[in-house]
């Protein structure tokens, strides 16, 4: 019997299509607002984005916790990420001005930490037989993550990554919406 990595052969149950649709719409809206060129420099728009991010994290955390009851695989991780998202989103909503000042730097630090952890996972996968491509990508992600963590306090670093996050939000939101409708049709 030959092992396959196709979506049909996966053992985990996917999230419901409507949760994926809500995620996609939220990510698309946040990305689109970030890309609104004339409004990016206004304080009101920045505060709106901070509030939207707080709401999105709270909703995402609730969706992760709901998803834990729908699909109980890795329930501990879903509970942990759900609670962290709800707490982080609630903090942002309670202290929007402090969050607005800190978010660009925090974003760069979190992105660097994520790159570092993802790179380590890819390296482990490469040593377990995933191939040299996973190893090269793992090394690149570790370097990328380490550079971001080392320079997260550099002036302007966070704002340039917000622009990148905006594009990822728009593209990722569209992909999530398309995937949600594909899941519904299947």
N, C-alpha and C. Protein backbone atom coordinates (compact mmCIF):
# COMPACT_ATOMS: atom_id res chain seq x y z
N UNK A 1 0.85 -1.18 0.00
CA UNK A 1 0.00 0.00 0.00
C UNK A 1 0.89 1.24 0.00
N UNK A 2 0.57 2.16 -0.81
CA UNK A 2 1.39 3.36 -0.97
C UNK A 2 0.80 4.50 -0.14
N UNK A 3 1.68 5.22 0.59
CA UNK A 3 1.24 6.34 1.42
C UNK A 3 1.02 7.56 0.55
N UNK A 4 -0.04 8.25 0.85
CA UNK A 4 -0.38 9.43 0.07
C UNK A 4 -0.62 10.61 1.01
N UNK A 5 -0.25 11.79 0.55
CA UNK A 5 -0.44 13.00 1.36
C UNK A 5 -1.60 13.82 0.85
N UNK A 6 -2.48 13.22 0.10
CA UNK A 6 -3.62 13.96 -0.43
C UNK A 6 -4.59 14.27 0.71
N UNK A 7 -5.38 15.32 0.56
CA UNK A 7 -6.32 15.69 1.61
C UNK A 7 -7.30 14.58 1.96
N UNK A 8 -7.61 13.72 1.01
CA UNK A 8 -8.57 12.65 1.27
C UNK A 8 -7.99 11.58 2.20
N UNK A 9 -6.67 11.44 2.24
CA UNK A 9 -6.07 10.39 3.05
C UNK A 9 -5.73 10.85 4.46
N UNK A 10 -5.97 12.10 4.77
CA UNK A 10 -5.66 12.62 6.09
C UNK A 10 -6.63 12.01 7.11
N UNK A 11 -6.15 11.75 8.32
CA UNK A 11 -6.96 11.14 9.36
C UNK A 11 -7.70 12.16 10.20
N UNK A 12 -7.29 13.42 10.18
CA UNK A 12 -7.93 14.43 11.02
C UNK A 12 -9.19 14.95 10.33
N UNK A 13 -10.16 15.29 11.14
CA UNK A 13 -11.39 15.85 10.61
C UNK A 13 -11.21 17.34 10.40
N UNK A 14 -11.59 17.86 9.23
CA UNK A 14 -11.42 19.29 8.99
C UNK A 14 -12.44 20.09 9.79
N UNK A 15 -12.12 21.36 9.97
CA UNK A 15 -13.06 22.28 10.61
C UNK A 15 -14.26 22.44 9.71
N UNK A 16 -15.41 22.79 10.26
CA UNK A 16 -16.59 23.01 9.41
C UNK A 16 -16.32 24.12 8.40
N UNK A 17 -16.93 24.01 7.24
CA UNK A 17 -16.68 24.96 6.16
C UNK A 17 -17.06 26.38 6.57
N UNK A 18 -18.09 26.55 7.38
CA UNK A 18 -18.54 27.89 7.73
C UNK A 18 -17.57 28.58 8.69
N UNK A 19 -16.84 27.82 9.53
CA UNK A 19 -15.81 28.43 10.37
C UNK A 19 -14.66 28.94 9.50
N UNK A 20 -14.31 28.15 8.48
CA UNK A 20 -13.27 28.56 7.55
C UNK A 20 -13.70 29.80 6.77
N UNK A 21 -14.98 29.86 6.40
CA UNK A 21 -15.51 31.02 5.68
C UNK A 21 -15.44 32.28 6.54
N UNK A 22 -15.82 32.16 7.80
CA UNK A 22 -15.77 33.33 8.71
C UNK A 22 -14.32 33.79 8.88
N UNK A 23 -13.40 32.84 9.05
CA UNK A 23 -11.98 33.19 9.14
C UNK A 23 -11.52 33.92 7.89
N UNK A 24 -11.88 33.40 6.73
CA UNK A 24 -11.47 34.00 5.46
C UNK A 24 -11.99 35.42 5.29
N UNK A 25 -13.25 35.62 5.63
CA UNK A 25 -13.84 36.96 5.51
C UNK A 25 -13.14 37.93 6.46
N UNK A 26 -12.89 37.50 7.69
CA UNK A 26 -12.23 38.37 8.67
C UNK A 26 -10.82 38.74 8.21
N UNK A 27 -10.07 37.75 7.74
CA UNK A 27 -8.70 38.01 7.29
C UNK A 27 -8.70 38.92 6.07
N UNK A 28 -9.64 38.70 5.14
CA UNK A 28 -9.74 39.54 3.94
C UNK A 28 -10.07 40.98 4.31
N UNK A 29 -10.99 41.18 5.22
CA UNK A 29 -11.37 42.54 5.62
C UNK A 29 -10.20 43.26 6.29
N UNK A 30 -9.52 42.57 7.19
CA UNK A 30 -8.38 43.19 7.87
C UNK A 30 -7.28 43.53 6.87
N UNK A 31 -6.98 42.63 5.95
CA UNK A 31 -5.98 42.90 4.92
C UNK A 31 -6.37 44.06 4.03
N UNK A 32 -7.65 44.13 3.65
CA UNK A 32 -8.12 45.21 2.79
C UNK A 32 -8.03 46.56 3.49
N UNK A 33 -8.37 46.59 4.78
CA UNK A 33 -8.28 47.85 5.52
C UNK A 33 -6.83 48.29 5.65
N UNK A 34 -5.93 47.32 5.88
CA UNK A 34 -4.51 47.66 5.97
C UNK A 34 -3.97 48.22 4.65
N UNK A 35 -4.55 47.77 3.54
CA UNK A 35 -4.07 48.24 2.24
C UNK A 35 -4.65 49.59 1.81
N UNK A 36 -5.64 50.09 2.52
CA UNK A 36 -6.26 51.36 2.15
C UNK A 36 -5.21 52.48 2.29
N UNK A 37 -4.57 52.82 1.21
CA UNK A 37 -3.40 53.70 1.21
C UNK A 37 -3.61 55.04 1.91
N UNK A 38 -4.60 55.86 1.55
CA UNK A 38 -4.68 57.16 2.20
C UNK A 38 -5.05 57.09 3.67
N UNK A 39 -5.71 56.02 4.07
CA UNK A 39 -6.18 55.93 5.45
C UNK A 39 -5.14 55.37 6.40
N UNK A 40 -4.06 54.78 5.88
CA UNK A 40 -3.10 54.12 6.76
C UNK A 40 -2.41 55.08 7.70
N UNK A 41 -2.27 56.32 7.31
CA UNK A 41 -1.53 57.24 8.15
C UNK A 41 -2.40 57.92 9.20
N UNK A 42 -3.66 57.75 9.14
CA UNK A 42 -4.55 58.41 10.10
C UNK A 42 -4.65 57.61 11.39
N UNK A 43 -4.67 58.32 12.48
CA UNK A 43 -4.75 57.70 13.80
C UNK A 43 -6.05 56.93 13.96
N UNK A 44 -7.15 57.49 13.45
CA UNK A 44 -8.44 56.81 13.57
C UNK A 44 -8.42 55.45 12.89
N UNK A 45 -7.83 55.38 11.72
CA UNK A 45 -7.78 54.12 11.00
C UNK A 45 -6.90 53.12 11.74
N UNK A 46 -5.78 53.60 12.27
CA UNK A 46 -4.91 52.70 13.01
C UNK A 46 -5.64 52.13 14.22
N UNK A 47 -6.40 52.98 14.92
CA UNK A 47 -7.15 52.50 16.08
C UNK A 47 -8.24 51.52 15.65
N UNK A 48 -8.85 51.75 14.50
CA UNK A 48 -9.84 50.81 13.98
C UNK A 48 -9.19 49.46 13.71
N UNK A 49 -8.00 49.47 13.11
CA UNK A 49 -7.29 48.23 12.84
C UNK A 49 -6.93 47.49 14.13
N UNK A 50 -6.52 48.23 15.13
CA UNK A 50 -6.18 47.61 16.41
C UNK A 50 -7.44 46.97 17.00
N UNK A 51 -8.55 47.67 16.94
CA UNK A 51 -9.80 47.13 17.46
C UNK A 51 -10.24 45.90 16.66
N UNK A 52 -10.10 45.97 15.33
CA UNK A 52 -10.45 44.82 14.49
C UNK A 52 -9.57 43.62 14.81
N UNK A 53 -8.29 43.86 15.05
CA UNK A 53 -7.38 42.77 15.41
C UNK A 53 -7.79 42.15 16.74
N UNK A 54 -8.14 42.99 17.71
CA UNK A 54 -8.60 42.46 18.99
C UNK A 54 -9.86 41.63 18.84
N UNK A 55 -10.82 42.13 18.07
CA UNK A 55 -12.04 41.38 17.82
C UNK A 55 -11.75 40.07 17.09
N UNK A 56 -10.86 40.14 16.10
CA UNK A 56 -10.53 38.95 15.33
C UNK A 56 -9.90 37.89 16.23
N UNK A 57 -8.99 38.29 17.11
CA UNK A 57 -8.36 37.32 18.01
C UNK A 57 -9.37 36.71 18.96
N UNK A 58 -10.29 37.53 19.47
CA UNK A 58 -11.32 36.98 20.36
C UNK A 58 -12.19 35.99 19.60
N UNK A 59 -12.64 36.38 18.40
CA UNK A 59 -13.48 35.47 17.60
C UNK A 59 -12.71 34.22 17.20
N UNK A 60 -11.45 34.37 16.83
CA UNK A 60 -10.63 33.23 16.44
C UNK A 60 -10.46 32.27 17.62
N UNK A 61 -10.25 32.81 18.80
CA UNK A 61 -10.13 31.98 19.99
C UNK A 61 -11.41 31.22 20.28
N UNK A 62 -12.53 31.91 20.15
CA UNK A 62 -13.82 31.24 20.35
C UNK A 62 -14.02 30.14 19.31
N UNK A 63 -13.65 30.42 18.05
CA UNK A 63 -13.78 29.41 17.00
C UNK A 63 -12.88 28.21 17.26
N UNK A 64 -11.68 28.45 17.79
CA UNK A 64 -10.79 27.34 18.13
C UNK A 64 -11.39 26.48 19.24
N UNK A 65 -11.99 27.14 20.22
CA UNK A 65 -12.60 26.38 21.32
C UNK A 65 -13.83 25.62 20.83
N UNK A 66 -14.65 26.25 19.98
CA UNK A 66 -15.80 25.55 19.39
C UNK A 66 -15.31 24.39 18.53
N UNK A 67 -14.25 24.63 17.76
CA UNK A 67 -13.69 23.57 16.92
C UNK A 67 -13.20 22.39 17.74
N UNK A 68 -12.81 22.63 18.98
CA UNK A 68 -12.35 21.57 19.86
C UNK A 68 -13.50 20.60 20.15
N UNK A 69 -14.72 21.11 20.27
CA UNK A 69 -15.86 20.25 20.54
C UNK A 69 -16.36 19.54 19.28
N UNK A 70 -16.12 20.13 18.12
CA UNK A 70 -16.53 19.52 16.86
C UNK A 70 -15.56 18.41 16.47
N UNK A 71 -14.27 18.67 16.62
CA UNK A 71 -13.23 17.69 16.31
C UNK A 71 -12.29 17.63 17.51
N UNK A 72 -12.32 16.53 18.24
CA UNK A 72 -11.57 16.46 19.50
C UNK A 72 -10.10 16.07 19.33
N UNK A 73 -9.61 15.91 18.10
CA UNK A 73 -8.19 15.62 17.92
C UNK A 73 -7.39 16.86 18.32
N UNK A 74 -6.32 16.65 19.03
CA UNK A 74 -5.45 17.73 19.52
C UNK A 74 -6.24 18.76 20.32
N UNK A 75 -7.16 18.28 21.14
CA UNK A 75 -8.02 19.19 21.88
C UNK A 75 -7.25 20.08 22.85
N UNK A 76 -6.16 19.59 23.41
CA UNK A 76 -5.36 20.40 24.33
C UNK A 76 -4.75 21.61 23.64
N UNK A 77 -4.22 21.38 22.44
CA UNK A 77 -3.62 22.47 21.67
C UNK A 77 -4.69 23.46 21.25
N UNK A 78 -5.86 22.98 20.82
CA UNK A 78 -6.95 23.88 20.42
C UNK A 78 -7.43 24.71 21.61
N UNK A 79 -7.52 24.09 22.78
CA UNK A 79 -7.93 24.83 23.97
C UNK A 79 -6.89 25.89 24.32
N UNK A 80 -5.61 25.52 24.27
CA UNK A 80 -4.54 26.47 24.59
C UNK A 80 -4.55 27.66 23.63
N UNK A 81 -4.56 27.38 22.31
CA UNK A 81 -4.54 28.48 21.34
C UNK A 81 -5.81 29.32 21.43
N UNK A 82 -6.93 28.67 21.71
CA UNK A 82 -8.18 29.42 21.86
C UNK A 82 -8.15 30.36 23.04
N UNK A 83 -7.66 29.87 24.18
CA UNK A 83 -7.59 30.72 25.37
C UNK A 83 -6.58 31.86 25.19
N UNK A 84 -5.42 31.55 24.61
CA UNK A 84 -4.42 32.61 24.37
C UNK A 84 -5.00 33.67 23.43
N UNK A 85 -5.70 33.24 22.40
CA UNK A 85 -6.29 34.21 21.46
C UNK A 85 -7.34 35.08 22.14
N UNK A 86 -8.19 34.47 22.96
CA UNK A 86 -9.22 35.25 23.66
C UNK A 86 -8.58 36.24 24.63
N UNK A 87 -7.56 35.80 25.35
CA UNK A 87 -6.88 36.69 26.31
C UNK A 87 -6.18 37.84 25.58
N UNK A 88 -5.45 37.51 24.50
CA UNK A 88 -4.73 38.56 23.75
C UNK A 88 -5.71 39.54 23.13
N UNK A 89 -6.77 39.04 22.52
CA UNK A 89 -7.77 39.92 21.92
C UNK A 89 -8.47 40.79 22.95
N UNK A 90 -8.77 40.22 24.11
CA UNK A 90 -9.41 40.99 25.18
C UNK A 90 -8.50 42.08 25.69
N UNK A 91 -7.20 41.78 25.82
CA UNK A 91 -6.24 42.79 26.26
C UNK A 91 -6.19 43.95 25.26
N UNK A 92 -6.16 43.62 23.99
CA UNK A 92 -6.13 44.67 22.96
C UNK A 92 -7.38 45.52 23.04
N UNK A 93 -8.53 44.91 23.25
CA UNK A 93 -9.78 45.68 23.33
C UNK A 93 -9.86 46.52 24.59
N UNK A 94 -9.24 46.07 25.68
CA UNK A 94 -9.27 46.83 26.93
C UNK A 94 -8.26 47.98 26.92
N UNK A 95 -7.11 47.79 26.25
CA UNK A 95 -6.05 48.79 26.22
C UNK A 95 -5.65 49.10 24.78
N UNK A 96 -6.53 49.73 24.02
CA UNK A 96 -6.25 49.92 22.59
C UNK A 96 -5.09 50.86 22.29
N UNK A 97 -4.90 51.89 23.09
CA UNK A 97 -3.83 52.85 22.79
C UNK A 97 -2.46 52.22 23.05
N UNK A 98 -2.30 51.54 24.18
CA UNK A 98 -1.03 50.87 24.46
C UNK A 98 -0.77 49.78 23.41
N UNK A 99 -1.82 49.09 23.02
CA UNK A 99 -1.67 48.05 22.00
C UNK A 99 -1.29 48.65 20.65
N UNK A 100 -1.88 49.79 20.31
CA UNK A 100 -1.58 50.43 19.02
C UNK A 100 -0.11 50.85 18.95
N UNK A 101 0.45 51.25 20.07
CA UNK A 101 1.86 51.64 20.08
C UNK A 101 2.79 50.44 20.02
N UNK A 102 2.39 49.34 20.63
CA UNK A 102 3.27 48.17 20.73
C UNK A 102 3.09 47.16 19.60
N UNK A 103 1.95 47.16 18.92
CA UNK A 103 1.66 46.10 17.95
C UNK A 103 2.67 45.94 16.82
N UNK A 104 3.16 47.00 16.20
CA UNK A 104 4.13 46.74 15.11
C UNK A 104 5.35 45.97 15.58
N UNK A 105 5.90 46.34 16.71
CA UNK A 105 7.08 45.63 17.22
C UNK A 105 6.73 44.22 17.69
N UNK A 106 5.59 44.09 18.35
CA UNK A 106 5.16 42.77 18.80
C UNK A 106 4.92 41.86 17.59
N UNK A 107 4.33 42.42 16.54
CA UNK A 107 4.07 41.65 15.32
C UNK A 107 5.36 41.10 14.75
N UNK A 108 6.38 41.92 14.68
CA UNK A 108 7.66 41.47 14.13
C UNK A 108 8.27 40.40 15.04
N UNK A 109 8.19 40.59 16.34
CA UNK A 109 8.74 39.61 17.27
C UNK A 109 8.01 38.27 17.16
N UNK A 110 6.68 38.31 17.13
CA UNK A 110 5.89 37.08 17.02
C UNK A 110 6.16 36.40 15.69
N UNK A 111 6.26 37.17 14.61
CA UNK A 111 6.56 36.59 13.31
C UNK A 111 7.94 35.93 13.33
N UNK A 112 8.90 36.56 13.98
CA UNK A 112 10.23 35.98 14.10
C UNK A 112 10.21 34.70 14.94
N UNK A 113 9.49 34.71 16.04
CA UNK A 113 9.38 33.53 16.88
C UNK A 113 8.69 32.39 16.12
N UNK A 114 7.64 32.72 15.38
CA UNK A 114 6.94 31.72 14.58
C UNK A 114 7.88 31.13 13.53
N UNK A 115 8.66 31.98 12.87
CA UNK A 115 9.60 31.49 11.87
C UNK A 115 10.65 30.58 12.48
N UNK A 116 11.12 30.94 13.66
CA UNK A 116 12.11 30.13 14.36
C UNK A 116 11.53 28.75 14.71
N UNK A 117 10.34 28.73 15.29
CA UNK A 117 9.72 27.47 15.69
C UNK A 117 9.37 26.61 14.46
N UNK A 118 8.83 27.24 13.43
CA UNK A 118 8.48 26.51 12.21
C UNK A 118 9.73 25.95 11.54
N UNK A 119 10.81 26.69 11.57
CA UNK A 119 12.07 26.21 11.01
C UNK A 119 12.59 24.99 11.76
N UNK A 120 12.48 25.02 13.08
CA UNK A 120 12.92 23.87 13.88
C UNK A 120 12.07 22.65 13.56
N UNK A 121 10.76 22.84 13.44
CA UNK A 121 9.87 21.72 13.09
C UNK A 121 10.24 21.17 11.72
N UNK A 122 10.50 22.04 10.76
CA UNK A 122 10.88 21.57 9.42
C UNK A 122 12.21 20.81 9.44
N UNK A 123 13.16 21.27 10.24
CA UNK A 123 14.42 20.54 10.37
C UNK A 123 14.21 19.15 10.97
N UNK A 124 13.39 19.07 11.98
CA UNK A 124 13.09 17.77 12.58
C UNK A 124 12.43 16.86 11.56
N UNK A 125 11.48 17.43 10.79
CA UNK A 125 10.83 16.64 9.74
C UNK A 125 11.83 16.18 8.70
N UNK A 126 12.79 17.03 8.36
CA UNK A 126 13.81 16.67 7.36
C UNK A 126 14.65 15.50 7.87
N UNK A 127 15.01 15.51 9.14
CA UNK A 127 15.81 14.42 9.69
C UNK A 127 15.00 13.13 9.83
N UNK A 128 13.68 13.26 9.84
CA UNK A 128 12.81 12.07 9.94
C UNK A 128 12.37 11.57 8.56
N UNK A 129 12.94 12.13 7.51
CA UNK A 129 12.67 11.60 6.18
C UNK A 129 11.83 12.46 5.27
N UNK A 130 11.58 13.71 5.63
CA UNK A 130 10.76 14.57 4.79
C UNK A 130 11.53 15.09 3.57
N UNK A 131 12.84 14.92 3.56
CA UNK A 131 13.63 15.32 2.39
C UNK A 131 14.46 16.56 2.64
N UNK A 132 15.37 16.79 1.71
CA UNK A 132 16.29 17.91 1.86
C UNK A 132 15.61 19.25 1.65
N UNK A 133 14.50 19.27 0.92
CA UNK A 133 13.75 20.53 0.72
C UNK A 133 13.24 21.08 2.04
N UNK A 134 12.71 20.19 2.88
CA UNK A 134 12.22 20.61 4.19
C UNK A 134 13.39 21.11 5.05
N UNK A 135 14.56 20.47 4.90
CA UNK A 135 15.74 20.91 5.66
C UNK A 135 16.20 22.29 5.26
N UNK A 136 16.26 22.54 3.94
CA UNK A 136 16.68 23.86 3.45
C UNK A 136 15.68 24.92 3.89
N UNK A 137 14.39 24.63 3.74
CA UNK A 137 13.37 25.58 4.16
C UNK A 137 13.43 25.83 5.66
N UNK A 138 13.71 24.78 6.42
CA UNK A 138 13.84 24.92 7.87
C UNK A 138 14.99 25.84 8.25
N UNK A 139 16.14 25.67 7.59
CA UNK A 139 17.29 26.53 7.87
C UNK A 139 16.96 27.98 7.50
N UNK A 140 16.33 28.18 6.34
CA UNK A 140 15.96 29.55 5.93
C UNK A 140 14.99 30.19 6.91
N UNK A 141 14.02 29.42 7.39
CA UNK A 141 13.07 29.97 8.35
C UNK A 141 13.73 30.28 9.69
N UNK A 142 14.67 29.46 10.10
CA UNK A 142 15.40 29.74 11.34
C UNK A 142 16.19 31.04 11.21
N UNK A 143 16.87 31.21 10.08
CA UNK A 143 17.64 32.44 9.85
C UNK A 143 16.69 33.64 9.81
N UNK A 144 15.58 33.51 9.07
CA UNK A 144 14.59 34.59 8.97
C UNK A 144 14.04 34.95 10.35
N UNK A 145 13.67 33.94 11.13
CA UNK A 145 13.14 34.18 12.47
C UNK A 145 14.15 34.83 13.39
N UNK A 146 15.40 34.35 13.33
CA UNK A 146 16.44 34.93 14.18
C UNK A 146 16.72 36.38 13.82
N UNK A 147 16.72 36.69 12.52
CA UNK A 147 16.93 38.09 12.09
C UNK A 147 15.80 38.99 12.57
N UNK A 148 14.58 38.51 12.48
CA UNK A 148 13.46 39.32 12.94
C UNK A 148 13.51 39.54 14.45
N UNK A 149 13.80 38.49 15.19
CA UNK A 149 13.87 38.63 16.64
C UNK A 149 15.01 39.57 17.03
N UNK A 150 16.13 39.48 16.34
CA UNK A 150 17.28 40.34 16.66
C UNK A 150 17.01 41.80 16.33
N UNK A 151 16.16 42.07 15.34
CA UNK A 151 15.93 43.45 14.89
C UNK A 151 14.50 43.93 15.12
N UNK A 152 13.75 43.30 15.98
CA UNK A 152 12.34 43.67 16.11
C UNK A 152 12.15 45.09 16.63
N UNK A 153 13.11 45.63 17.34
CA UNK A 153 12.98 46.98 17.88
C UNK A 153 13.46 48.06 16.92
N UNK A 154 13.97 47.67 15.75
CA UNK A 154 14.45 48.66 14.79
C UNK A 154 13.29 49.54 14.32
N UNK A 155 13.56 50.82 14.24
CA UNK A 155 12.54 51.79 13.86
C UNK A 155 12.01 51.48 12.46
N UNK A 156 10.72 51.39 12.32
CA UNK A 156 10.09 51.16 11.02
C UNK A 156 9.96 49.71 10.63
N UNK A 157 10.61 48.81 11.35
CA UNK A 157 10.55 47.39 11.00
C UNK A 157 9.11 46.88 11.07
N UNK A 158 8.41 47.24 12.11
CA UNK A 158 7.03 46.77 12.27
C UNK A 158 6.10 47.29 11.21
N UNK A 159 6.26 48.55 10.83
CA UNK A 159 5.36 49.12 9.84
C UNK A 159 5.55 48.48 8.46
N UNK A 160 6.78 48.13 8.11
CA UNK A 160 6.99 47.47 6.82
C UNK A 160 6.38 46.08 6.82
N UNK A 161 6.38 45.43 7.96
CA UNK A 161 5.76 44.11 8.01
C UNK A 161 4.25 44.20 8.06
N UNK A 162 3.69 45.32 8.51
CA UNK A 162 2.25 45.48 8.45
C UNK A 162 1.78 45.50 6.99
N UNK A 163 2.57 46.13 6.11
CA UNK A 163 2.24 46.15 4.69
C UNK A 163 2.26 44.72 4.13
N UNK A 164 3.27 43.97 4.52
CA UNK A 164 3.35 42.57 4.09
C UNK A 164 2.18 41.77 4.64
N UNK A 165 1.83 42.00 5.90
CA UNK A 165 0.70 41.31 6.50
C UNK A 165 -0.60 41.65 5.79
N UNK A 166 -0.71 42.89 5.31
CA UNK A 166 -1.91 43.28 4.58
C UNK A 166 -2.08 42.44 3.32
N UNK A 167 -1.01 42.26 2.58
CA UNK A 167 -1.09 41.45 1.36
C UNK A 167 -1.37 39.99 1.69
N UNK A 168 -0.71 39.49 2.72
CA UNK A 168 -1.00 38.11 3.14
C UNK A 168 -2.45 37.97 3.59
N UNK A 169 -2.98 39.01 4.24
CA UNK A 169 -4.38 38.97 4.66
C UNK A 169 -5.33 38.91 3.49
N UNK A 170 -5.10 39.74 2.49
CA UNK A 170 -5.98 39.74 1.32
C UNK A 170 -5.89 38.41 0.57
N UNK A 171 -4.68 37.99 0.29
CA UNK A 171 -4.50 36.74 -0.47
C UNK A 171 -4.97 35.54 0.36
N UNK A 172 -4.57 35.51 1.62
CA UNK A 172 -4.98 34.40 2.49
C UNK A 172 -6.48 34.36 2.71
N UNK A 173 -7.11 35.53 2.84
CA UNK A 173 -8.56 35.57 3.02
C UNK A 173 -9.29 35.01 1.81
N UNK A 174 -8.83 35.38 0.61
CA UNK A 174 -9.45 34.86 -0.61
C UNK A 174 -9.27 33.35 -0.68
N UNK A 175 -8.07 32.88 -0.36
CA UNK A 175 -7.81 31.43 -0.40
C UNK A 175 -8.70 30.70 0.60
N UNK A 176 -8.84 31.23 1.81
CA UNK A 176 -9.69 30.60 2.81
C UNK A 176 -11.15 30.57 2.38
N UNK A 177 -11.63 31.65 1.77
CA UNK A 177 -13.02 31.70 1.30
C UNK A 177 -13.24 30.67 0.20
N UNK A 178 -12.32 30.60 -0.76
CA UNK A 178 -12.44 29.62 -1.83
C UNK A 178 -12.41 28.20 -1.26
N UNK A 179 -11.51 27.96 -0.33
CA UNK A 179 -11.41 26.63 0.29
C UNK A 179 -12.68 26.28 1.05
N UNK A 180 -13.28 27.26 1.73
CA UNK A 180 -14.51 27.00 2.46
C UNK A 180 -15.61 26.55 1.51
N UNK A 181 -15.74 27.21 0.37
CA UNK A 181 -16.78 26.81 -0.59
C UNK A 181 -16.45 25.48 -1.25
N UNK A 182 -15.18 25.19 -1.42
CA UNK A 182 -14.79 23.87 -1.94
C UNK A 182 -15.15 22.78 -0.93
N UNK A 183 -14.94 23.06 0.36
CA UNK A 183 -15.29 22.08 1.39
C UNK A 183 -16.80 21.87 1.45
N UNK A 184 -17.57 22.95 1.28
CA UNK A 184 -19.02 22.84 1.31
C UNK A 184 -19.51 22.00 0.14
N UNK A 185 -18.90 22.19 -1.02
CA UNK A 185 -19.32 21.44 -2.21
C UNK A 185 -18.94 19.96 -2.11
N UNK A 186 -17.90 19.65 -1.34
CA UNK A 186 -17.42 18.25 -1.27
C UNK A 186 -18.28 17.38 -0.39
